[in-house]
Amino acid sequence: MSACVSRQYLGCIGKTDNGQIAVAAGLSQSEYYTPIDMRLFMPKEWKIIKSEDGMAFIIIWQFV
């Protein structure tokens, strides 16, 4: 099971299906490209809970 996979709209295929969505930012100059940040989009069904010691847990809420 991969992180952040859910049934959501995927622009690359133009329909709703199971998949991941990532947002990337990068710097480029002439033929060089350097990624500087990448984040996975968290589906609405997922929730992050942080414990007292700062550790984060992802909880999947299943809606039937």
PDB file of N, CA and C in Angstrom:
ATOM      1  N   MET A   1       0.840  -1.181   0.000  1.00  0.00           N
ATOM      2  CA  MET A   1       0.000   0.000   0.000  1.00  0.00           C
ATOM      3  C   MET A   1       0.884   1.242   0.000  1.00  0.00           C
ATOM      4  N   SER A   2       0.622   2.142  -0.891  1.00  0.00           N
ATOM      5  CA  SER A   2       1.382   3.388  -0.987  1.00  0.00           C
ATOM      6  C   SER A   2       0.688   4.513  -0.231  1.00  0.00           C
ATOM      7  N   ALA A   3       1.467   5.482   0.182  1.00  0.00           N
ATOM      8  CA  ALA A   3       0.910   6.631   0.900  1.00  0.00           C
ATOM      9  C   ALA A   3       0.082   7.503  -0.039  1.00  0.00           C
ATOM     10  N   CYS A   4      -0.995   8.037   0.474  1.00  0.00           N
ATOM     11  CA  CYS A   4      -1.838   9.028  -0.206  1.00  0.00           C
ATOM     12  C   CYS A   4      -2.523   8.517  -1.467  1.00  0.00           C
ATOM     13  N   VAL A   5      -2.740   7.233  -1.585  1.00  0.00           N
ATOM     14  CA  VAL A   5      -3.483   6.696  -2.733  1.00  0.00           C
ATOM     15  C   VAL A   5      -4.957   6.660  -2.364  1.00  0.00           C
ATOM     16  N   SER A   6      -5.783   7.237  -3.215  1.00  0.00           N
ATOM     17  CA  SER A   6      -7.224   7.181  -3.008  1.00  0.00           C
ATOM     18  C   SER A   6      -7.923   7.408  -4.337  1.00  0.00           C
ATOM     19  N   ARG A   7      -9.226   7.244  -4.320  1.00  0.00           N
ATOM     20  CA  ARG A   7     -10.015   7.488  -5.526  1.00  0.00           C
ATOM     21  C   ARG A   7     -10.238   8.984  -5.623  1.00  0.00           C
ATOM     22  N   GLN A   8      -9.620   9.619  -6.611  1.00  0.00           N
ATOM     23  CA  GLN A   8      -9.680  11.064  -6.777  1.00  0.00           C
ATOM     24  C   GLN A   8      -9.479  11.417  -8.244  1.00  0.00           C
ATOM     25  N   TYR A   9      -9.768  12.681  -8.586  1.00  0.00           N
ATOM     26  CA  TYR A   9      -9.607  13.124  -9.971  1.00  0.00           C
ATOM     27  C   TYR A   9      -8.124  13.216 -10.302  1.00  0.00           C
ATOM     28  N   LEU A  10      -7.721  12.567 -11.388  1.00  0.00           N
ATOM     29  CA  LEU A  10      -6.340  12.593 -11.856  1.00  0.00           C
ATOM     30  C   LEU A  10      -6.294  13.340 -13.191  1.00  0.00           C
ATOM     31  N   GLY A  11      -5.696  14.514 -13.167  1.00  0.00           N
ATOM     32  CA  GLY A  11      -5.658  15.345 -14.368  1.00  0.00           C
ATOM     33  C   GLY A  11      -4.890  14.718 -15.523  1.00  0.00           C
ATOM     34  N   CYS A  12      -3.894  13.893 -15.219  1.00  0.00           N
ATOM     35  CA  CYS A  12      -3.081  13.297 -16.290  1.00  0.00           C
ATOM     36  C   CYS A  12      -3.874  12.320 -17.155  1.00  0.00           C
ATOM     37  N   ILE A  13      -4.922  11.704 -16.582  1.00  0.00           N
ATOM     38  CA  ILE A  13      -5.759  10.800 -17.378  1.00  0.00           C
ATOM     39  C   ILE A  13      -7.154  11.370 -17.613  1.00  0.00           C
ATOM     40  N   GLY A  14      -7.459  12.504 -16.953  1.00  0.00           N
ATOM     41  CA  GLY A  14      -8.713  13.196 -17.183  1.00  0.00           C
ATOM     42  C   GLY A  14      -9.955  12.532 -16.622  1.00  0.00           C
ATOM     43  N   LYS A  15      -9.787  11.729 -15.575  1.00  0.00           N
ATOM     44  CA  LYS A  15     -10.953  11.085 -14.964  1.00  0.00           C
ATOM     45  C   LYS A  15     -10.640  10.741 -13.509  1.00  0.00           C
ATOM     46  N   THR A  16     -11.654  10.234 -12.792  1.00  0.00           N
ATOM     47  CA  THR A  16     -11.487   9.814 -11.407  1.00  0.00           C
ATOM     48  C   THR A  16     -11.044   8.361 -11.374  1.00  0.00           C
ATOM     49  N   ASP A  17      -9.967   8.099 -10.635  1.00  0.00           N
ATOM     50  CA  ASP A  17      -9.430   6.746 -10.515  1.00  0.00           C
ATOM     51  C   ASP A  17      -8.552   6.695  -9.262  1.00  0.00           C
ATOM     52  N   ASN A  18      -8.053   5.521  -8.903  1.00  0.00           N
ATOM     53  CA  ASN A  18      -7.132   5.410  -7.780  1.00  0.00           C
ATOM     54  C   ASN A  18      -5.752   5.908  -8.210  1.00  0.00           C
ATOM     55  N   GLY A  19      -5.146   6.770  -7.394  1.00  0.00           N
ATOM     56  CA  GLY A  19      -3.821   7.259  -7.735  1.00  0.00           C
ATOM     57  C   GLY A  19      -3.308   8.257  -6.719  1.00  0.00           C
ATOM     58  N   GLN A  20      -2.103   8.738  -6.974  1.00  0.00           N
ATOM     59  CA  GLN A  20      -1.448   9.738  -6.139  1.00  0.00           C
ATOM     60  C   GLN A  20      -1.315  11.029  -6.931  1.00  0.00           C
ATOM     61  N   ILE A  21      -1.346  12.152  -6.215  1.00  0.00           N
ATOM     62  CA  ILE A  21      -1.112  13.445  -6.842  1.00  0.00           C
ATOM     63  C   ILE A  21       0.041  14.101  -6.108  1.00  0.00           C
ATOM     64  N   ALA A  22       1.052  14.529  -6.854  1.00  0.00           N
ATOM     65  CA  ALA A  22       2.209  15.200  -6.264  1.00  0.00           C
ATOM     66  C   ALA A  22       2.348  16.586  -6.882  1.00  0.00           C
ATOM     67  N   VAL A  23       2.794  17.523  -6.069  1.00  0.00           N
ATOM     68  CA  VAL A  23       3.077  18.879  -6.529  1.00  0.00           C
ATOM     69  C   VAL A  23       4.578  19.075  -6.387  1.00  0.00           C
ATOM     70  N   ALA A  24       5.232  19.519  -7.463  1.00  0.00           N
ATOM     71  CA  ALA A  24       6.684  19.686  -7.447  1.00  0.00           C
ATOM     72  C   ALA A  24       7.060  21.117  -7.808  1.00  0.00           C
ATOM     73  N   ALA A  25       8.149  21.577  -7.218  1.00  0.00           N
ATOM     74  CA  ALA A  25       8.706  22.886  -7.542  1.00  0.00           C
ATOM     75  C   ALA A  25      10.177  22.695  -7.874  1.00  0.00           C
ATOM     76  N   GLY A  26      10.655  23.417  -8.864  1.00  0.00           N
ATOM     77  CA  GLY A  26      12.055  23.265  -9.263  1.00  0.00           C
ATOM     78  C   GLY A  26      12.608  24.541  -9.868  1.00  0.00           C
ATOM     79  N   LEU A  27      13.903  24.585  -9.965  1.00  0.00           N
ATOM     80  CA  LEU A  27      14.601  25.707 -10.590  1.00  0.00           C
ATOM     81  C   LEU A  27      15.265  25.214 -11.867  1.00  0.00           C
ATOM     82  N   SER A  28      15.212  26.041 -12.904  1.00  0.00           N
ATOM     83  CA  SER A  28      15.863  25.643 -14.153  1.00  0.00           C
ATOM     84  C   SER A  28      16.622  26.819 -14.756  1.00  0.00           C
ATOM     85  N   GLN A  29      17.681  26.469 -15.453  1.00  0.00           N
ATOM     86  CA  GLN A  29      18.470  27.461 -16.179  1.00  0.00           C
ATOM     87  C   GLN A  29      19.072  26.741 -17.373  1.00  0.00           C
ATOM     88  N   SER A  30      18.726  27.205 -18.532  1.00  0.00           N
ATOM     89  CA  SER A  30      19.166  26.617 -19.789  1.00  0.00           C
ATOM     90  C   SER A  30      18.833  25.126 -19.796  1.00  0.00           C
ATOM     91  N   GLU A  31      19.798  24.207 -19.857  1.00  0.00           N
ATOM     92  CA  GLU A  31      19.457  22.779 -19.905  1.00  0.00           C
ATOM     93  C   GLU A  31      19.489  22.090 -18.543  1.00  0.00           C
ATOM     94  N   TYR A  32      19.703  22.833 -17.474  1.00  0.00           N
ATOM     95  CA  TYR A  32      19.782  22.246 -16.134  1.00  0.00           C
ATOM     96  C   TYR A  32      18.473  22.444 -15.364  1.00  0.00           C
ATOM     97  N   TYR A  33      18.123  21.434 -14.576  1.00  0.00           N
ATOM     98  CA  TYR A  33      16.909  21.492 -13.762  1.00  0.00           C
ATOM     99  C   TYR A  33      17.206  20.870 -12.401  1.00  0.00           C
ATOM    100  N   THR A  34      16.790  21.538 -11.345  1.00  0.00           N
ATOM    101  CA  THR A  34      16.982  21.027  -9.992  1.00  0.00           C
ATOM    102  C   THR A  34      15.662  21.082  -9.234  1.00  0.00           C
ATOM    103  N   PRO A  35      15.136  19.924  -8.812  1.00  0.00           N
ATOM    104  CA  PRO A  35      13.935  19.958  -7.977  1.00  0.00           C
ATOM    105  C   PRO A  35      14.289  20.498  -6.588  1.00  0.00           C
ATOM    106  N   ILE A  36      13.434  21.385  -6.054  1.00  0.00           N
ATOM    107  CA  ILE A  36      13.705  21.944  -4.733  1.00  0.00           C
ATOM    108  C   ILE A  36      12.696  21.489  -3.685  1.00  0.00           C
ATOM    109  N   ASP A  37      11.530  21.024  -4.105  1.00  0.00           N
ATOM    110  CA  ASP A  37      10.539  20.544  -3.148  1.00  0.00           C
ATOM    111  C   ASP A  37       9.505  19.691  -3.868  1.00  0.00           C
ATOM    112  N   MET A  38       8.992  18.680  -3.181  1.00  0.00           N
ATOM    113  CA  MET A  38       7.927  17.851  -3.730  1.00  0.00           C
ATOM    114  C   MET A  38       7.040  17.407  -2.575  1.00  0.00           C
ATOM    115  N   ARG A  39       5.742  17.514  -2.759  1.00  0.00           N
ATOM    116  CA  ARG A  39       4.776  17.133  -1.723  1.00  0.00           C
ATOM    117  C   ARG A  39       3.689  16.264  -2.327  1.00  0.00           C
ATOM    118  N   LEU A  40       3.269  15.263  -1.578  1.00  0.00           N
ATOM    119  CA  LEU A  40       2.115  14.457  -1.977  1.00  0.00           C
ATOM    120  C   LEU A  40       0.852  15.140  -1.489  1.00  0.00           C
ATOM    121  N   PHE A  41      -0.162  15.181  -2.338  1.00  0.00           N
ATOM    122  CA  PHE A  41      -1.459  15.723  -1.967  1.00  0.00           C
ATOM    123  C   PHE A  41      -2.144  14.717  -1.053  1.00  0.00           C
ATOM    124  N   MET A  42      -2.633  15.188   0.092  1.00  0.00           N
ATOM    125  CA  MET A  42      -3.324  14.314   1.040  1.00  0.00           C
ATOM    126  C   MET A  42      -4.823  14.302   0.725  1.00  0.00           C
ATOM    127  N   PRO A  43      -5.385  13.150   0.424  1.00  0.00           N
ATOM    128  CA  PRO A  43      -6.826  13.062   0.184  1.00  0.00           C
ATOM    129  C   PRO A  43      -7.626  13.469   1.423  1.00  0.00           C
ATOM    130  N   LYS A  44      -8.872  13.881   1.218  1.00  0.00           N
ATOM    131  CA  LYS A  44      -9.725  14.317   2.326  1.00  0.00           C
ATOM    132  C   LYS A  44      -9.940  13.216   3.365  1.00  0.00           C
ATOM    133  N   GLU A  45      -9.901  11.944   2.943  1.00  0.00           N
ATOM    134  CA  GLU A  45     -10.158  10.839   3.851  1.00  0.00           C
ATOM    135  C   GLU A  45      -9.003  10.583   4.812  1.00  0.00           C
ATOM    136  N   TRP A  46      -7.835  11.178   4.565  1.00  0.00           N
ATOM    137  CA  TRP A  46      -6.657  10.938   5.390  1.00  0.00           C
ATOM    138  C   TRP A  46      -6.506  12.065   6.398  1.00  0.00           C
ATOM    139  N   LYS A  47      -5.997  11.748   7.576  1.00  0.00           N
ATOM    140  CA  LYS A  47      -5.812  12.756   8.606  1.00  0.00           C
ATOM    141  C   LYS A  47      -4.476  12.504   9.306  1.00  0.00           C
ATOM    142  N   ILE A  48      -3.730  13.572   9.603  1.00  0.00           N
ATOM    143  CA  ILE A  48      -2.458  13.455  10.311  1.00  0.00           C
ATOM    144  C   ILE A  48      -2.679  13.825  11.773  1.00  0.00           C
ATOM    145  N   ILE A  49      -2.219  12.981  12.650  1.00  0.00           N
ATOM    146  CA  ILE A  49      -2.295  13.245  14.085  1.00  0.00           C
ATOM    147  C   ILE A  49      -0.878  13.244  14.642  1.00  0.00           C
ATOM    148  N   LYS A  50      -0.528  14.288  15.390  1.00  0.00           N
ATOM    149  CA  LYS A  50       0.804  14.373  15.987  1.00  0.00           C
ATOM    150  C   LYS A  50       0.724  14.001  17.459  1.00  0.00           C
ATOM    151  N   SER A  51       1.678  13.189  17.904  1.00  0.00           N
ATOM    152  CA  SER A  51       1.717  12.783  19.304  1.00  0.00           C
ATOM    153  C   SER A  51       2.471  13.825  20.122  1.00  0.00           C
ATOM    154  N   GLU A  52       2.523  13.619  21.436  1.00  0.00           N
ATOM    155  CA  GLU A  52       3.181  14.574  22.329  1.00  0.00           C
ATOM    156  C   GLU A  52       4.677  14.699  22.046  1.00  0.00           C
ATOM    157  N   ASP A  53       5.312  13.626  21.580  1.00  0.00           N
ATOM    158  CA  ASP A  53       6.746  13.684  21.305  1.00  0.00           C
ATOM    159  C   ASP A  53       7.060  14.178  19.897  1.00  0.00           C
ATOM    160  N   GLY A  54       6.058  14.647  19.162  1.00  0.00           N
ATOM    161  CA  GLY A  54       6.260  15.244  17.841  1.00  0.00           C
ATOM    162  C   GLY A  54       6.183  14.286  16.677  1.00  0.00           C
ATOM    163  N   MET A  55       6.007  12.994  16.941  1.00  0.00           N
ATOM    164  CA  MET A  55       5.887  12.042  15.846  1.00  0.00           C
ATOM    165  C   MET A  55       4.522  12.188  15.191  1.00  0.00           C
ATOM    166  N   ALA A  56       4.480  12.036  13.881  1.00  0.00           N
ATOM    167  CA  ALA A  56       3.224  12.178  13.144  1.00  0.00           C
ATOM    168  C   ALA A  56       2.724  10.801  12.705  1.00  0.00           C
ATOM    169  N   PHE A  57       1.436  10.617  12.766  1.00  0.00           N
ATOM    170  CA  PHE A  57       0.798   9.387  12.331  1.00  0.00           C
ATOM    171  C   PHE A  57      -0.281   9.742  11.315  1.00  0.00           C
ATOM    172  N   ILE A  58      -0.409   8.935  10.288  1.00  0.00           N
ATOM    173  CA  ILE A  58      -1.460   9.135   9.296  1.00  0.00           C
ATOM    174  C   ILE A  58      -2.555   8.123   9.579  1.00  0.00           C
ATOM    175  N   ILE A  59      -3.759   8.626   9.727  1.00  0.00           N
ATOM    176  CA  ILE A  59      -4.903   7.757   9.972  1.00  0.00           C
ATOM    177  C   ILE A  59      -5.825   7.823   8.755  1.00  0.00           C
ATOM    178  N   ILE A  60      -6.238   6.680   8.279  1.00  0.00           N
ATOM    179  CA  ILE A  60      -7.133   6.600   7.127  1.00  0.00           C
ATOM    180  C   ILE A  60      -8.556   6.431   7.657  1.00  0.00           C
ATOM    181  N   TRP A  61      -9.407   7.380   7.307  1.00  0.00           N
ATOM    182  CA  TRP A  61     -10.820   7.286   7.687  1.00  0.00           C
ATOM    183  C   TRP A  61     -11.556   6.651   6.520  1.00  0.00           C
ATOM    184  N   GLN A  62     -12.138   5.513   6.749  1.00  0.00           N
ATOM    185  CA  GLN A  62     -12.864   4.799   5.705  1.00  0.00           C
ATOM    186  C   GLN A  62     -14.330   5.193   5.765  1.00  0.00           C
ATOM    187  N   PHE A  63     -14.855   5.707   4.662  1.00  0.00           N
ATOM    188  CA  PHE A  63     -16.272   6.041   4.571  1.00  0.00           C
ATOM    189  C   PHE A  63     -16.928   5.025   3.661  1.00  0.00           C
ATOM    190  N   VAL A  64     -17.919   4.344   4.174  1.00  0.00           N
ATOM    191  CA  VAL A  64     -18.589   3.308   3.377  1.00  0.00           C
ATOM    192  C   VAL A  64     -19.894   3.861   2.855  1.00  0.00           C
TER     193      VAL A  64
END
